[in-house]
Amino acid sequence: MNKFTKEVMSVGEMASGAKLTVPVYAFKSEKSTAPNVYIQANMHGAEVQGNAVIFQLLELLQYCELQANITLVPYANPVACNHKNGEYTLGRFDPITGVNWNRMYHFDPSVIEPFVLQYIDASEDEIKIKFQQLLLTEIEQKLEHNLWGITTGQRIAYQLQRLAHQADIVLDLHTGPISSKHLYCPEYAKASAEYFDIEHTILIQNDFDGAMDEATFCPWWSLQKAYQASGRNFTMGQGAFKKESFTVELGSQEQIDLDVAKQDALSILSYLAYQGVVDNKQYQPQKMTRYACYLKDYKALYSPMGGMVDYLAEFGKPLAAGEPLARILRMDNYGDGEALHYVSLEQKVIPILHFASASVNQGTELYKVFCNYFEL
């Protein structure tokens, strides 16, 4: 039976002086034959299912044959977790700055070219060690030696990123408003998507836009491309560049389901078994039809009018062109106009998520859908 350690990491202070803390669980393997793993959940306050998944992973990992180190962080953002308004959890944006909590991570592309020039003839092992040290040093500089200080959100994000930079595989667990399960996957790691029990995958470009998954794979992708331009051809996902990061969307916000969480945990273990992190043959991906689209084809549909919405389209199932996604009730029109208005699209799509409330203003993001999708 594997033992884990638990530490409590301080990520900030409240006005009263009370500490903002995050629990950090770690399994240390005596072997180092596989990529190290970092998993976090609940960066956004209402997206709580990931905490249940980490609970189930902690239960299961104690009986796995571990080939690498695994770090798990539930309640990753204590400010967002506790940002309540009545019965709702609002914590998607920093209430002080208005910035999305998941857009505060750090990557400075200007460090790439000087590093390549300095280590142009280094071995792969040395490149991995030195570049990881560089990324960690940058985070330490941000945290400890910033003359002008940093925001609450940045302090939380950088401390989480410091843990993530010590891993080779990073899984950031999220949920949608009302949503099906889906996966954000770097284009170069497309083959790995088939090892999660998730039917829908969004293939993202290898660019940095501030999110955790991008903050952990984009530096290595940029480094690989810079070496390639200098005449050294490394392959992303192999050797020193064996780095993969995913945003795993687990369903809908504001609720947990421990039974579903166990299935989600088994899905993650299937992927980790594929990567050699756990040596347990029973963790295998389920057979299912998996659909994907590129990020540019993951489209938002905004409500053409205000009203009360009856969401009609079933998640995850192809919807024919012209079939209604929703109908909008306008009681103010009843008796002297059209009270019901149907919303449809002129192309075949797969609905993935919709707005959490039936009450919408004109211009509210109503649905997000796959367009131009294909089977993986």
Protein backbone atom coordinates (compact mmCIF):
# COMPACT_ATOMS: atom_id res chain seq x y z
CA MET A 1 0.00 0.00 0.00
CA ASN A 2 1.42 3.38 -1.04
CA LYS A 3 1.70 6.10 1.56
CA PHE A 4 1.12 9.74 0.78
CA THR A 5 2.27 12.90 2.49
CA LYS A 6 0.12 15.94 3.17
CA GLU A 7 1.37 19.49 3.45
CA VAL A 8 -0.54 22.74 3.85
CA MET A 9 0.77 25.45 1.50
CA SER A 10 0.16 29.09 2.37
CA VAL A 11 -0.76 31.03 -0.79
CA GLY A 12 -1.63 34.44 0.69
CA GLU A 13 -3.14 36.41 3.54
CA MET A 14 -6.51 38.02 4.16
CA ALA A 15 -6.93 41.56 5.49
CA SER A 16 -7.40 40.09 8.98
CA GLY A 17 -4.06 38.31 8.74
CA ALA A 18 -5.69 34.90 8.30
CA LYS A 19 -3.71 32.61 6.03
CA LEU A 20 -5.03 31.38 2.69
CA THR A 21 -3.98 27.74 2.54
CA VAL A 22 -4.11 24.88 0.05
CA PRO A 23 -3.66 21.14 0.83
CA VAL A 24 -0.95 19.37 -1.16
CA TYR A 25 -0.91 15.54 -1.31
CA ALA A 26 2.08 13.70 -2.72
CA PHE A 27 2.97 10.11 -3.56
CA LYS A 28 6.70 9.52 -3.92
CA SER A 29 7.82 6.54 -5.97
CA GLU A 30 11.11 4.73 -5.45
CA LYS A 31 11.17 4.29 -9.21
CA SER A 32 11.67 7.04 -11.77
CA THR A 33 10.85 5.25 -15.00
CA ALA A 34 7.88 7.38 -15.99
CA PRO A 35 6.82 11.05 -16.14
CA ASN A 36 6.02 12.80 -12.86
CA VAL A 37 2.43 14.03 -12.53
CA TYR A 38 0.71 17.12 -11.12
CA ILE A 39 -3.10 17.31 -10.78
CA GLN A 40 -5.06 20.28 -9.42
CA ALA A 41 -8.74 21.11 -9.03
CA ASN A 42 -11.10 23.99 -8.19
CA MET A 43 -9.16 26.97 -9.56
CA HIS A 44 -12.60 28.40 -10.32
CA GLY A 45 -14.82 28.53 -7.25
CA ALA A 46 -17.97 26.83 -8.56
CA GLU A 47 -16.06 24.05 -10.35
CA VAL A 48 -16.02 21.58 -7.49
CA GLN A 49 -16.26 18.11 -9.07
CA GLY A 50 -12.48 17.95 -9.44
CA ASN A 51 -12.14 17.83 -5.65
CA ALA A 52 -14.25 14.67 -5.60
CA VAL A 53 -12.09 13.20 -8.38
CA ILE A 54 -8.92 13.92 -6.39
CA PHE A 55 -10.53 12.20 -3.38
CA GLN A 56 -11.16 9.09 -5.51
CA LEU A 57 -7.64 9.24 -6.95
CA LEU A 58 -6.18 9.36 -3.46
CA GLU A 59 -8.23 6.30 -2.56
CA LEU A 60 -7.13 4.36 -5.67
CA LEU A 61 -3.48 5.44 -5.90
CA GLN A 62 -2.72 3.88 -2.54
CA TYR A 63 -3.11 0.47 -4.24
CA CYS A 64 -1.40 1.22 -7.58
CA GLU A 65 2.08 0.24 -8.65
CA LEU A 66 3.59 3.70 -8.99
CA GLN A 67 6.45 4.32 -11.39
CA ALA A 68 6.71 8.08 -10.79
CA ASN A 69 5.82 10.84 -8.34
CA ILE A 70 2.25 12.20 -8.25
CA THR A 71 1.18 15.47 -6.62
CA LEU A 72 -2.51 16.31 -6.12
CA VAL A 73 -3.95 19.68 -5.08
CA PRO A 74 -7.67 20.07 -4.36
CA TYR A 75 -9.15 23.47 -3.40
CA ALA A 76 -6.41 25.10 -5.48
CA ASN A 77 -7.90 28.59 -5.09
CA PRO A 78 -9.23 29.26 -1.57
CA VAL A 79 -10.41 32.77 -2.49
CA ALA A 80 -12.59 31.52 -5.34
CA CYS A 81 -13.90 28.56 -3.30
CA ASN A 82 -15.32 30.95 -0.72
CA HIS A 83 -16.56 33.68 -3.04
CA LYS A 84 -20.29 33.22 -2.45
CA ASN A 85 -23.30 35.36 -3.31
CA GLY A 86 -26.35 33.84 -1.69
CA GLU A 87 -26.50 30.20 -2.75
CA TYR A 88 -24.15 30.66 -5.72
CA THR A 89 -20.36 30.45 -5.93
CA LEU A 90 -19.07 33.28 -8.12
CA GLY A 91 -15.35 32.56 -8.09
CA ARG A 92 -14.47 32.58 -11.79
CA PHE A 93 -12.89 36.05 -11.78
CA ASP A 94 -10.71 37.84 -9.26
CA PRO A 95 -13.23 40.23 -7.63
CA ILE A 96 -10.56 42.93 -7.27
CA THR A 97 -8.97 42.92 -10.74
CA GLY A 98 -11.73 41.22 -12.77
CA VAL A 99 -9.20 38.83 -14.33
CA ASN A 100 -10.07 35.17 -14.91
CA TRP A 101 -8.33 33.17 -12.17
CA ASN A 102 -7.10 30.73 -14.85
CA ARG A 103 -5.33 33.44 -16.89
CA MET A 104 -2.69 34.52 -14.37
CA TYR A 105 0.08 31.99 -14.96
CA HIS A 106 3.50 33.02 -16.27
CA PHE A 107 5.54 32.36 -19.40
CA ASP A 108 8.15 34.75 -20.82
CA PRO A 109 9.07 33.65 -24.37
CA SER A 110 12.10 35.96 -24.37
CA VAL A 111 14.04 33.41 -22.27
CA ILE A 112 13.96 30.77 -25.01
CA GLU A 113 16.53 32.05 -27.51
CA PRO A 114 19.25 32.88 -24.93
CA PHE A 115 18.81 29.44 -23.35
CA VAL A 116 19.21 27.68 -26.72
CA LEU A 117 22.35 29.69 -27.49
CA GLN A 118 23.82 28.78 -24.10
CA TYR A 119 22.97 25.08 -24.32
CA ILE A 120 23.07 24.48 -28.07
CA ASP A 121 25.29 21.39 -27.73
CA ALA A 122 24.01 20.11 -24.38
CA SER A 123 22.63 16.61 -23.93
CA GLU A 124 18.87 16.08 -23.70
CA ASP A 125 19.15 15.27 -20.01
CA GLU A 126 21.09 18.47 -19.31
CA ILE A 127 18.62 20.52 -21.35
CA LYS A 128 15.72 19.13 -19.34
CA ILE A 129 17.38 19.81 -15.98
CA LYS A 130 18.62 23.28 -16.86
CA PHE A 131 15.41 24.45 -18.51
CA GLN A 132 13.28 23.20 -15.64
CA GLN A 133 15.58 25.08 -13.26
CA LEU A 134 15.16 28.21 -15.37
CA LEU A 135 11.35 27.97 -15.26
CA LEU A 136 11.38 27.46 -11.49
CA THR A 137 13.82 30.33 -10.97
CA GLU A 138 11.55 32.63 -12.95
CA ILE A 139 8.63 31.73 -10.70
CA GLU A 140 10.75 32.24 -7.58
CA GLN A 141 11.75 35.67 -8.88
CA LYS A 142 8.10 36.55 -9.41
CA LEU A 143 7.17 35.42 -5.91
CA GLU A 144 10.08 36.65 -3.83
CA HIS A 145 11.94 39.39 -5.68
CA ASN A 146 9.28 41.50 -7.35
CA LEU A 147 9.87 45.15 -6.40
CA TRP A 148 6.30 46.21 -7.13
CA GLY A 149 4.58 43.16 -5.69
CA ILE A 150 2.00 40.88 -7.29
CA THR A 151 -1.78 40.46 -7.11
CA THR A 152 -3.55 37.91 -4.93
CA GLY A 153 -4.39 35.88 -8.04
CA GLN A 154 -0.82 35.90 -9.31
CA ARG A 155 0.52 34.79 -5.92
CA ILE A 156 -1.85 31.82 -5.92
CA ALA A 157 -1.18 30.97 -9.57
CA TYR A 158 2.61 31.18 -9.31
CA GLN A 159 2.75 28.88 -6.29
CA LEU A 160 0.62 26.32 -8.08
CA GLN A 161 2.76 26.71 -11.20
CA ARG A 162 5.90 26.11 -9.14
CA LEU A 163 4.52 22.68 -8.27
CA ALA A 164 3.40 22.02 -11.85
CA HIS A 165 6.82 22.88 -13.33
CA GLN A 166 8.30 20.00 -11.34
CA ALA A 167 6.09 17.53 -13.23
CA ASP A 168 6.02 16.22 -16.79
CA ILE A 169 2.26 15.66 -16.98
CA VAL A 170 -0.19 18.31 -15.76
CA LEU A 171 -3.96 17.85 -15.42
CA ASP A 172 -6.04 20.89 -14.49
CA LEU A 173 -9.55 19.77 -13.47
CA HIS A 174 -12.43 22.12 -14.30
CA THR A 175 -16.14 22.00 -15.11
CA GLY A 176 -18.47 23.99 -17.34
CA PRO A 177 -21.70 25.79 -16.36
CA ILE A 178 -24.14 23.02 -17.46
CA SER A 179 -21.86 20.78 -19.43
CA SER A 180 -20.81 17.43 -20.83
CA LYS A 181 -17.31 16.14 -20.22
CA HIS A 182 -14.67 17.38 -22.63
CA LEU A 183 -10.92 17.74 -22.88
CA TYR A 184 -8.66 20.59 -23.97
CA CYS A 185 -5.67 18.89 -25.60
CA PRO A 186 -2.55 20.32 -27.31
CA GLU A 187 -2.49 19.43 -30.99
CA TYR A 188 0.81 17.56 -30.66
CA ALA A 189 -0.66 15.32 -27.90
CA LYS A 190 -3.76 14.28 -29.86
CA ALA A 191 -2.96 10.56 -29.56
CA SER A 192 -3.19 10.80 -25.77
CA ALA A 193 -6.82 11.97 -25.88
CA GLU A 194 -7.89 8.44 -26.80
CA TYR A 195 -6.82 7.20 -23.35
CA PHE A 196 -9.26 9.35 -21.39
CA ASP A 197 -12.86 8.18 -21.10
CA ILE A 198 -14.01 11.48 -22.54
CA GLU A 199 -15.98 11.58 -25.79
CA HIS A 200 -15.18 15.14 -26.85
CA THR A 201 -11.79 16.77 -27.34
CA ILE A 202 -10.88 20.35 -28.28
CA LEU A 203 -7.49 20.51 -29.96
CA ILE A 204 -5.73 23.73 -28.97
CA GLN A 205 -2.83 25.45 -30.68
CA ASN A 206 0.51 25.37 -28.96
CA ASP A 207 0.27 29.02 -27.89
CA PHE A 208 0.24 30.73 -24.50
CA ASP A 209 -2.88 32.58 -23.34
CA GLY A 210 -2.39 32.48 -19.59
CA ALA A 211 -3.98 29.15 -18.60
CA MET A 212 -2.29 26.45 -16.50
CA ASP A 213 -2.13 23.84 -19.26
CA GLU A 214 -0.52 26.33 -21.65
CA ALA A 215 1.86 27.65 -18.98
CA THR A 216 3.32 24.18 -18.51
CA PHE A 217 3.58 22.86 -22.08
CA CYS A 218 4.12 26.05 -24.14
CA PRO A 219 7.62 26.76 -22.76
CA TRP A 220 8.76 23.30 -23.84
CA TRP A 221 7.04 23.56 -27.20
CA SER A 222 8.72 26.92 -27.80
CA LEU A 223 12.07 25.47 -26.73
CA GLN A 224 11.68 22.52 -29.09
CA LYS A 225 10.89 24.85 -32.01
CA ALA A 226 13.88 27.06 -31.19
CA TYR A 227 16.23 24.08 -31.14
CA GLN A 228 14.72 22.92 -34.41
CA ALA A 229 15.48 26.32 -35.97
CA SER A 230 19.07 25.94 -34.74
CA GLY A 231 19.47 22.54 -36.40
CA ARG A 232 18.67 20.17 -33.52
CA ASN A 233 15.51 18.16 -34.08
CA PHE A 234 13.85 17.15 -30.83
CA THR A 235 10.35 15.66 -30.81
CA MET A 236 7.73 17.15 -28.50
CA GLY A 237 6.33 14.43 -26.27
CA GLN A 238 9.50 12.34 -26.31
CA GLY A 239 12.75 12.27 -24.36
CA ALA A 240 13.54 15.52 -22.55
CA PHE A 241 10.47 17.05 -24.17
CA LYS A 242 8.01 14.48 -22.83
CA LYS A 243 5.61 17.10 -21.52
CA GLU A 244 1.82 16.96 -21.75
CA SER A 245 -0.78 19.21 -20.15
CA PHE A 246 -4.57 19.07 -20.35
CA THR A 247 -7.58 20.94 -19.06
CA VAL A 248 -10.08 18.25 -18.11
CA GLU A 249 -13.70 19.46 -18.04
CA LEU A 250 -15.67 17.11 -15.78
CA GLY A 251 -19.27 18.21 -16.32
CA SER A 252 -21.34 20.88 -14.57
CA GLN A 253 -20.45 23.33 -11.83
CA GLU A 254 -21.85 23.72 -8.30
CA GLN A 255 -22.28 19.98 -7.70
CA ILE A 256 -20.30 16.84 -6.95
CA ASP A 257 -21.12 13.21 -7.62
CA LEU A 258 -18.75 10.78 -5.91
CA ASP A 259 -19.83 7.83 -8.05
CA VAL A 260 -19.19 9.74 -11.27
CA ALA A 261 -15.96 11.03 -9.71
CA LYS A 262 -14.74 7.46 -9.35
CA GLN A 263 -15.35 6.89 -13.05
CA ASP A 264 -13.45 10.12 -13.78
CA ALA A 265 -10.60 8.91 -11.57
CA LEU A 266 -10.49 5.61 -13.47
CA SER A 267 -10.38 7.59 -16.70
CA ILE A 268 -7.34 9.53 -15.46
CA LEU A 269 -5.68 6.30 -14.32
CA SER A 270 -6.22 4.86 -17.79
CA TYR A 271 -4.25 7.77 -19.23
CA LEU A 272 -1.57 7.47 -16.53
CA ALA A 273 -1.26 3.74 -17.24
CA TYR A 274 -0.75 4.56 -20.94
CA GLN A 275 2.07 6.92 -19.89
CA GLY A 276 3.60 4.24 -17.66
CA VAL A 277 2.99 6.19 -14.46
CA VAL A 278 0.94 3.37 -12.93
CA ASP A 279 1.74 -0.23 -13.77
CA ASN A 280 -1.75 -1.65 -13.41
CA LYS A 281 -3.17 -3.43 -16.45
CA GLN A 282 -6.81 -3.11 -15.32
CA TYR A 283 -6.81 0.60 -16.14
CA GLN A 284 -7.75 0.65 -19.79
CA PRO A 285 -9.73 3.21 -21.80
CA GLN A 286 -13.35 2.46 -22.56
CA LYS A 287 -14.40 1.79 -26.12
CA MET A 288 -16.40 4.78 -27.37
CA THR A 289 -16.71 7.06 -30.35
CA ARG A 290 -14.56 10.08 -29.63
CA TYR A 291 -15.15 13.35 -31.47
CA ALA A 292 -12.77 16.28 -31.78
CA CYS A 293 -12.63 19.74 -33.26
CA TYR A 294 -10.00 22.44 -33.42
CA LEU A 295 -10.31 25.37 -31.04
CA LYS A 296 -11.23 27.71 -33.90
CA ASP A 297 -14.26 25.47 -34.55
CA TYR A 298 -15.43 25.44 -30.93
CA LYS A 299 -18.05 28.13 -31.28
CA ALA A 300 -20.18 30.11 -28.85
CA LEU A 301 -23.79 30.87 -29.73
CA TYR A 302 -25.08 34.08 -28.16
CA SER A 303 -28.73 34.61 -27.39
CA PRO A 304 -30.50 36.65 -30.09
CA MET A 305 -32.89 38.08 -27.48
CA GLY A 306 -33.59 38.22 -23.79
CA GLY A 307 -36.05 35.84 -22.20
CA MET A 308 -36.48 32.51 -20.43
CA VAL A 309 -34.68 29.64 -22.15
CA ASP A 310 -35.79 26.04 -22.51
CA TYR A 311 -32.58 24.22 -23.47
CA LEU A 312 -33.53 21.46 -25.92
CA ALA A 313 -30.37 20.05 -27.51
CA GLU A 314 -28.83 16.94 -25.96
CA PHE A 315 -25.17 17.22 -25.02
CA GLY A 316 -22.62 15.29 -26.99
CA LYS A 317 -24.93 14.16 -29.78
CA PRO A 318 -24.67 15.46 -33.37
CA LEU A 319 -27.49 17.91 -34.04
CA ALA A 320 -28.68 18.28 -37.64
CA ALA A 321 -28.71 21.69 -39.33
CA GLY A 322 -31.95 23.53 -38.60
CA GLU A 323 -32.83 21.45 -35.54
CA PRO A 324 -33.55 23.66 -32.50
CA LEU A 325 -31.00 24.01 -29.72
CA ALA A 326 -33.38 25.98 -27.52
CA ARG A 327 -36.63 27.88 -27.38
CA ILE A 328 -36.98 31.25 -25.70
CA LEU A 329 -40.13 32.19 -23.84
CA ARG A 330 -41.19 35.85 -24.01
CA MET A 331 -44.27 36.26 -21.84
CA ASP A 332 -44.24 40.01 -22.50
CA ASN A 333 -45.29 39.17 -26.08
CA TYR A 334 -48.11 36.80 -25.14
CA GLY A 335 -51.43 37.88 -26.60
CA ASP A 336 -50.05 40.45 -29.02
CA GLY A 337 -46.98 38.77 -30.51
CA GLU A 338 -44.84 35.63 -30.62
CA ALA A 339 -44.30 34.20 -27.16
CA LEU A 340 -42.00 31.33 -28.25
CA HIS A 341 -38.89 31.73 -30.40
CA TYR A 342 -36.80 28.77 -31.56
CA VAL A 343 -33.00 29.03 -31.87
CA SER A 344 -31.20 26.84 -34.43
CA LEU A 345 -28.06 26.82 -36.58
CA GLU A 346 -27.64 26.27 -40.31
CA GLN A 347 -24.96 23.61 -39.88
CA LYS A 348 -24.48 20.30 -38.12
CA VAL A 349 -22.99 20.72 -34.63
CA ILE A 350 -22.38 18.87 -31.37
CA PRO A 351 -23.64 20.80 -28.32
CA ILE A 352 -21.14 20.66 -25.45
CA LEU A 353 -22.40 23.07 -22.78
CA HIS A 354 -24.97 25.77 -22.13
CA PHE A 355 -25.54 28.71 -19.81
CA ALA A 356 -26.39 27.77 -16.22
CA SER A 357 -29.59 29.81 -15.91
CA ALA A 358 -32.86 29.83 -17.83
CA SER A 359 -32.98 33.62 -17.47
CA VAL A 360 -30.81 35.28 -20.12
CA ASN A 361 -30.16 38.73 -21.47
CA GLN A 362 -29.74 39.38 -25.18
CA GLY A 363 -26.11 38.53 -25.99
CA THR A 364 -25.66 35.94 -23.24
CA GLU A 365 -23.48 32.97 -24.24
CA LEU A 366 -26.24 30.43 -24.75
CA TYR A 367 -24.41 27.31 -26.02
CA LYS A 368 -20.93 26.20 -26.98
CA VAL A 369 -20.77 23.67 -29.79
CA PHE A 370 -18.38 21.67 -31.96
CA CYS A 371 -18.40 22.65 -35.63
CA ASN A 372 -16.47 20.83 -38.39
CA TYR A 373 -15.90 17.96 -35.98
CA PHE A 374 -14.32 14.59 -36.78
CA GLU A 375 -13.70 11.25 -35.11
CA LEU A 376 -10.43 10.70 -33.26
